[in-house]
Amino acid sequence: TYGDPVAAAGLLDTNGLGVSVLASNATLEAASAYLKQPASYEFTVRSALFDQYEVAFPLRQAADCLAGLLAVLYGNDTDSLRNETRARDKGFRTPPLIRVVAKEDALLGLTFDEPHMYINIEDYMYYNTGRRSNSAFQAVMAYLRSSPNCGSSGLHGAGARLHWGKAGWPDPGCWHGDKEYGSNWCHFGCALRQLDPGAKFTDSAPDRWNWQGVDLDGCCGPDGFLVNKPNCTCSVQHARDATSCPPAPHYTNR
């Protein structure tokens, strides 16, 4: 037992220092490198309406993509040393969630070609400010979906890929599968041709599930789309092109 409470506190501190020297593992130092929020704040934000977005960009481009993202949010004051930078609304109320996913073999998997970094971001402003567009958030999405720093997908051949099950989908006709997934889009078209010949599911989003102008009858074989066969190019005809679509992030419903 410890007699004097003050002495006890000092001894405990000393013991703690001794343990940290003998069995240090950098836990505290590592923890300081991550964004944190109180548990009570988590309950508060989860009781409010929000839209959740997620994009994936090649892991090899992560440094350039994230550096550009910081520039969109902070300009040349990444550390927010200036009062005006700290005061400016960045459009976010929760920190982003970041994960890394290995290459996979799903035809329309976001990482079908190489490992990607995913970044999940949430817009709490739209629903909680009278459905007013969150321009700062949209600027981030515009950057992620159109910058060559973040990949080579998108209408202009640049930008990250969209998560299939989250928000941020472009206006009708402004998402082109062949630009997002290259020849894999037509490999998937060949699979669809065999497994869903009646096009049962196509009407859920006909502007997206589109292979207009591609000769799937003549270009599909047992192993999928015959990319090496003459005249077999995965180039789809779309009702709208980049010039007739709104600028990135290409959606106008938010």
Protein backbone atom coordinates (compact mmCIF):
# COMPACT_ATOMS: atom_id res chain seq x y z
CA THR A 1 0.00 0.00 0.00
CA TYR A 2 0.96 3.62 -0.44
CA GLY A 3 0.83 5.97 2.51
CA ASP A 4 0.93 9.56 1.29
CA PRO A 5 -1.41 10.04 -1.72
CA VAL A 6 1.01 12.53 -3.23
CA ALA A 7 3.89 10.12 -2.87
CA ALA A 8 1.76 7.34 -4.27
CA ALA A 9 0.96 9.39 -7.34
CA GLY A 10 4.60 10.13 -7.86
CA LEU A 11 5.54 6.49 -7.49
CA LEU A 12 2.87 5.46 -9.98
CA ASP A 13 4.21 7.98 -12.46
CA THR A 14 7.72 6.69 -11.91
CA ASN A 15 6.58 3.10 -12.41
CA GLY A 16 4.80 4.11 -15.57
CA LEU A 17 7.93 5.72 -16.91
CA GLY A 18 9.92 2.62 -16.08
CA VAL A 19 7.46 0.37 -17.86
CA SER A 20 7.48 2.63 -20.92
CA VAL A 21 11.26 2.33 -21.12
CA LEU A 22 11.26 -1.45 -20.76
CA ALA A 23 8.17 -2.24 -22.81
CA SER A 24 7.53 0.72 -25.08
CA ASN A 25 5.55 0.05 -28.25
CA ALA A 26 4.79 3.53 -29.60
CA THR A 27 1.06 3.09 -29.02
CA LEU A 28 0.55 6.66 -27.87
CA GLU A 29 2.75 8.06 -30.60
CA ALA A 30 0.87 6.07 -33.24
CA ALA A 31 -2.51 7.07 -31.84
CA SER A 32 -1.64 10.74 -32.18
CA ALA A 33 -1.28 10.25 -35.94
CA TYR A 34 -4.95 9.31 -36.42
CA LEU A 35 -8.11 11.38 -36.51
CA LYS A 36 -10.20 10.80 -33.39
CA GLN A 37 -13.63 11.88 -32.17
CA PRO A 38 -15.54 11.38 -28.88
CA ALA A 39 -17.98 8.47 -28.68
CA SER A 40 -20.79 10.92 -27.83
CA TYR A 41 -20.11 12.76 -31.09
CA GLU A 42 -20.47 9.50 -32.98
CA PHE A 43 -23.99 9.07 -31.55
CA THR A 44 -24.90 12.63 -32.50
CA VAL A 45 -23.83 12.38 -36.11
CA ARG A 46 -25.44 8.96 -36.57
CA SER A 47 -28.82 10.38 -35.57
CA ALA A 48 -28.71 12.90 -38.44
CA LEU A 49 -29.44 12.34 -42.12
CA PHE A 50 -26.46 12.22 -44.43
CA ASP A 51 -25.24 11.01 -47.82
CA GLN A 52 -22.26 8.67 -47.88
CA TYR A 53 -19.83 8.74 -50.81
CA GLU A 54 -16.83 6.57 -51.53
CA VAL A 55 -14.29 6.51 -54.33
CA ALA A 56 -11.27 4.34 -55.07
CA PHE A 57 -8.03 5.41 -56.72
CA PRO A 58 -4.86 3.43 -57.53
CA LEU A 59 -2.69 2.90 -54.48
CA ARG A 60 0.40 3.91 -56.46
CA GLN A 61 -1.19 7.37 -56.90
CA ALA A 62 -2.34 7.78 -53.30
CA ALA A 63 0.29 10.37 -52.34
CA ASP A 64 -0.45 12.63 -55.31
CA CYS A 65 -4.22 12.23 -54.98
CA LEU A 66 -4.28 13.03 -51.27
CA ALA A 67 -1.88 15.96 -51.69
CA GLY A 68 -4.21 17.45 -54.29
CA LEU A 69 -7.19 16.84 -52.02
CA LEU A 70 -5.51 18.78 -49.21
CA ALA A 71 -4.84 21.60 -51.65
CA VAL A 72 -8.55 21.75 -52.55
CA LEU A 73 -9.48 22.01 -48.87
CA TYR A 74 -6.64 24.15 -47.50
CA GLY A 75 -4.95 25.82 -50.45
CA ASN A 76 -1.31 26.44 -49.58
CA ASP A 77 -2.08 26.48 -45.85
CA THR A 78 -2.36 22.75 -45.13
CA ASP A 79 -1.53 23.26 -41.44
CA SER A 80 -4.27 25.93 -41.10
CA LEU A 81 -1.86 28.49 -39.71
CA ARG A 82 -3.96 31.37 -40.99
CA ASN A 83 -7.22 32.33 -39.28
CA GLU A 84 -9.13 32.50 -42.55
CA THR A 85 -8.19 28.91 -43.36
CA ARG A 86 -9.32 27.67 -39.96
CA ALA A 87 -12.59 29.61 -40.21
CA ARG A 88 -13.53 28.43 -43.70
CA ASP A 89 -16.13 25.66 -43.77
CA LYS A 90 -14.54 22.64 -45.45
CA GLY A 91 -17.92 20.95 -46.02
CA PHE A 92 -17.33 18.06 -43.60
CA ARG A 93 -18.67 17.17 -40.16
CA THR A 94 -16.99 13.77 -39.80
CA PRO A 95 -13.47 12.56 -40.66
CA PRO A 96 -12.96 10.45 -43.79
CA LEU A 97 -12.57 6.70 -43.60
CA ILE A 98 -9.63 5.29 -45.55
CA ARG A 99 -8.90 1.67 -46.45
CA VAL A 100 -6.72 -0.21 -48.91
CA VAL A 101 -8.08 -3.08 -51.01
CA ALA A 102 -5.99 -5.59 -52.94
CA LYS A 103 -6.49 -6.47 -56.58
CA GLU A 104 -9.50 -8.74 -57.16
CA ASP A 105 -10.86 -10.73 -60.08
CA ALA A 106 -14.47 -9.47 -60.15
CA LEU A 107 -15.09 -7.97 -63.59
CA LEU A 108 -16.60 -4.79 -62.18
CA GLY A 109 -14.69 -4.72 -58.92
CA LEU A 110 -13.16 -1.33 -58.27
CA THR A 111 -9.77 -3.01 -57.90
CA PHE A 112 -9.97 -5.37 -60.88
CA ASP A 113 -6.74 -3.98 -62.32
CA GLU A 114 -4.55 -3.11 -59.31
CA PRO A 115 -4.69 -2.33 -55.55
CA HIS A 116 -6.65 0.81 -54.71
CA MET A 117 -7.07 3.15 -51.78
CA TYR A 118 -10.68 3.87 -50.87
CA ILE A 119 -11.76 7.12 -49.23
CA ASN A 120 -15.23 7.34 -47.69
CA ILE A 121 -16.63 10.84 -47.07
CA GLU A 122 -20.03 11.97 -45.78
CA ASP A 123 -22.16 15.03 -46.52
CA TYR A 124 -24.19 16.04 -43.47
CA MET A 125 -24.86 19.54 -44.74
CA TYR A 126 -27.33 18.93 -47.56
CA TYR A 127 -30.15 17.42 -45.49
CA ASN A 128 -29.52 19.53 -42.40
CA THR A 129 -29.36 22.97 -44.02
CA GLY A 130 -32.66 22.96 -45.92
CA ARG A 131 -31.34 20.78 -48.77
CA ARG A 132 -28.87 23.42 -49.82
CA SER A 133 -25.97 22.25 -51.98
CA ASN A 134 -22.75 21.74 -50.07
CA SER A 135 -20.40 23.49 -52.48
CA ALA A 136 -17.23 22.77 -50.50
CA PHE A 137 -18.04 19.06 -50.43
CA GLN A 138 -18.89 19.07 -54.14
CA ALA A 139 -15.51 20.65 -54.88
CA VAL A 140 -13.85 17.67 -53.19
CA MET A 141 -15.96 15.20 -55.17
CA ALA A 142 -15.23 17.11 -58.38
CA TYR A 143 -11.51 16.82 -57.72
CA LEU A 144 -11.65 13.13 -56.84
CA ARG A 145 -13.71 12.28 -59.91
CA SER A 146 -11.78 14.32 -62.47
CA SER A 147 -8.15 14.72 -61.45
CA PRO A 148 -5.48 12.60 -63.18
CA ASN A 149 -3.82 12.50 -59.75
CA CYS A 150 -6.59 10.09 -58.72
CA GLY A 151 -6.78 7.66 -61.63
CA SER A 152 -7.82 7.36 -65.25
CA SER A 153 -11.56 6.69 -64.98
CA GLY A 154 -14.39 9.13 -65.61
CA LEU A 155 -15.84 11.01 -68.56
CA HIS A 156 -12.56 12.74 -69.36
CA GLY A 157 -10.32 9.74 -68.75
CA ALA A 158 -9.25 10.95 -65.31
CA GLY A 159 -10.38 10.51 -61.74
CA ALA A 160 -11.27 7.85 -59.18
CA ARG A 161 -13.93 5.17 -59.50
CA LEU A 162 -17.26 5.42 -57.68
CA HIS A 163 -18.37 2.86 -55.12
CA TRP A 164 -21.29 0.92 -56.59
CA GLY A 165 -23.52 1.20 -53.53
CA LYS A 166 -23.08 4.79 -52.39
CA ALA A 167 -24.00 8.34 -53.36
CA GLY A 168 -22.48 10.58 -56.02
CA TRP A 169 -23.74 8.94 -59.20
CA PRO A 170 -23.78 11.30 -62.19
CA ASP A 171 -26.85 12.51 -64.00
CA PRO A 172 -28.42 10.01 -66.45
CA GLY A 173 -26.13 9.35 -69.39
CA CYS A 174 -23.06 10.83 -67.70
CA TRP A 175 -21.51 7.64 -66.38
CA HIS A 176 -19.78 5.53 -69.05
CA GLY A 177 -18.88 1.98 -68.10
CA ASP A 178 -16.36 1.55 -70.91
CA LYS A 179 -14.41 4.58 -69.67
CA GLU A 180 -14.57 3.41 -66.07
CA TYR A 181 -13.66 -0.24 -66.61
CA GLY A 182 -12.13 -0.49 -70.08
CA SER A 183 -12.46 -3.88 -71.78
CA ASN A 184 -13.76 -5.39 -68.53
CA TRP A 185 -17.00 -3.54 -69.22
CA CYS A 186 -17.44 -5.61 -72.36
CA HIS A 187 -16.29 -8.79 -70.62
CA PHE A 188 -19.18 -8.13 -68.25
CA GLY A 189 -21.46 -7.47 -71.21
CA CYS A 190 -20.58 -10.92 -72.58
CA ALA A 191 -21.39 -12.51 -69.21
CA LEU A 192 -24.66 -10.59 -69.08
CA ARG A 193 -25.53 -11.73 -72.59
CA GLN A 194 -25.21 -15.35 -71.50
CA LEU A 195 -26.65 -15.17 -67.98
CA ASP A 196 -29.41 -12.60 -68.52
CA PRO A 197 -30.42 -12.87 -72.20
CA GLY A 198 -33.78 -11.27 -71.46
CA ALA A 199 -32.15 -8.16 -69.97
CA LYS A 200 -34.22 -8.56 -66.82
CA PHE A 201 -32.08 -6.20 -64.78
CA THR A 202 -31.09 -3.67 -67.41
CA ASP A 203 -34.10 -1.41 -66.88
CA SER A 204 -32.92 -0.51 -63.37
CA ALA A 205 -30.54 1.99 -64.99
CA PRO A 206 -30.63 1.66 -68.79
CA ASP A 207 -28.32 4.63 -69.31
CA ARG A 208 -25.63 2.77 -67.36
CA TRP A 209 -26.10 -0.82 -68.48
CA ASN A 210 -25.34 0.08 -72.04
CA TRP A 211 -23.30 -1.66 -74.73
CA GLN A 212 -24.74 0.22 -77.69
CA GLY A 213 -22.50 -0.02 -80.75
CA VAL A 214 -20.45 -2.97 -79.48
CA ASP A 215 -20.89 -6.20 -81.43
CA LEU A 216 -21.34 -8.55 -78.49
CA ASP A 217 -22.77 -11.24 -80.78
CA GLY A 218 -19.60 -11.35 -82.82
CA CYS A 219 -17.09 -10.41 -80.15
CA CYS A 220 -18.03 -12.66 -77.23
CA GLY A 221 -16.35 -16.03 -76.80
CA PRO A 222 -16.05 -18.67 -74.06
CA ASP A 223 -13.50 -16.52 -72.24
CA GLY A 224 -15.39 -13.25 -72.57
CA PHE A 225 -14.85 -10.30 -74.88
CA LEU A 226 -12.45 -11.04 -77.73
CA VAL A 227 -10.22 -8.00 -77.35
CA ASN A 228 -7.72 -9.26 -79.96
CA LYS A 229 -10.29 -9.98 -82.65
CA PRO A 230 -10.38 -7.39 -85.47
CA ASN A 231 -13.16 -4.80 -85.09
CA CYS A 232 -13.82 -5.88 -81.50
CA THR A 233 -13.27 -2.70 -79.52
CA CYS A 234 -15.00 -1.93 -76.24
CA SER A 235 -16.17 1.53 -77.27
CA VAL A 236 -19.81 2.17 -76.33
CA GLN A 237 -22.09 4.73 -77.97
CA HIS A 238 -23.67 6.96 -75.34
CA ALA A 239 -26.59 9.37 -75.61
CA ARG A 240 -24.52 12.04 -73.83
CA ASP A 241 -20.83 12.82 -73.96
CA ALA A 242 -18.59 14.89 -71.73
CA THR A 243 -19.54 18.13 -73.48
CA SER A 244 -23.27 17.69 -72.79
CA CYS A 245 -22.91 16.59 -69.16
CA PRO A 246 -22.54 18.91 -66.17
CA PRO A 247 -18.98 19.49 -64.97
CA ALA A 248 -17.46 17.15 -62.40
CA PRO A 249 -18.72 15.63 -60.18
CA HIS A 250 -21.36 15.35 -62.95
CA TYR A 251 -24.46 15.27 -60.73
CA THR A 252 -27.02 18.02 -60.20
CA ASN A 253 -29.36 16.44 -57.61
CA ARG A 254 -27.35 17.74 -54.63
